[in-house]
Amino acid sequence: MKNFTIDLANVLNLQNFSGVIPLFPLATVVFFPNTLLPLHVFEPRYRQMVKDIIDGERIIGMVLLKPGWEKSYEGNPEIYSVVGMGRIVNSEPLDDGRFNIVLYGLKRVKIIDIVKDIPYRLARVEILEDVHGTNENIYRERIVELILKWNGIIGKEHESHLINIDTRLPLENLIDAIASTSVSNVFEKQELLEEINVQKRAENILTHLETKVEVISIVAKRRNQIVEKRNLN
C-alpha cells in the first residue's frame, strides 16, 4: 500500500455521525482510539461492507469474537459489546475484489442493538467518552519511567522489541497506544477497551509494564551471568 496522509481534523469529525455502523468481527484484533489498523479484507461479505461505506461515513466497528466463535463463524457468532470504532483513511481495491484498508481509531462505542445481520451486521451504537480523574501526571511519569527502563534493557540490538511511542501524548492516548502495541493477550486488550476510567486503565497498564520490566530484568541478569561465566573460562 502506498504512503498516504491523514486530514486528522476531518477524520475525527463526528458531528453528523449516524450512530449506525457495520461490524467487522475478528478473533485476534482489539482496536483502540487514535491508533492505526491495516486490514486485508478478503471475505465476500466484508468486501461488500467496504464497498457499501467507502463513499459514505467510511466508519467500521472492529469487534472481538467471543470464545467458541469457530462453531458458527459463517453465521453471526457471539461478540463483545464494546467496540473500537474507526474510519477508513486509506483504501486500495485489488483486481479480484479484495481490499487493503487502513483504519484510524475514533472512539470506544457500545452496541445498543443490531439493526441488520445479513450479509454483515449493522449496529446502533453509543459513544463511550473517557472519564478523567485528578493527578494523572503521576501515572504518566511512572509509565514513561517504565518505558525508558524497558527500552534501556532491550537495547538497540533488539530494536523490534522496543516500545516506540510518543510519550508526550495525552495520557488516555498514551495508554491506548501501549495497550495496542505492547499487550499481546486479546482478552486483556478487550478489558482495557471496555474501561472508560482513564486512571484505572493507567493502573492496568502500569501493572503490565511493571511485570514486563521485572521479567526482562531477570532474563538480562541471567544472560549477563552466563556471558561472564563464559569469559572466565
Foldseek 3Di string as FASTA:
>chain_A
DDDDDFPVVVFQDCVPPPQKAFEDEDAFDADAAQDKDKDKFDDVFVLVRCVVPVPHNQKYWYWHADPPCVVPVQFDGDTAFKTFMWHWRDWDADPVSIIITMTHTHFIWGFPAWPDPPPTTMTRIDGDAADEDPPVVVLLVLVVVLLVLVDVLCDPVNVVPRDDDDSVDDQQVRLLSCLRPPPRDVVLSVVLSPDRYSVVSSVSSSVVSVVVSVVSVVVSVVVVVVVVVVVVD
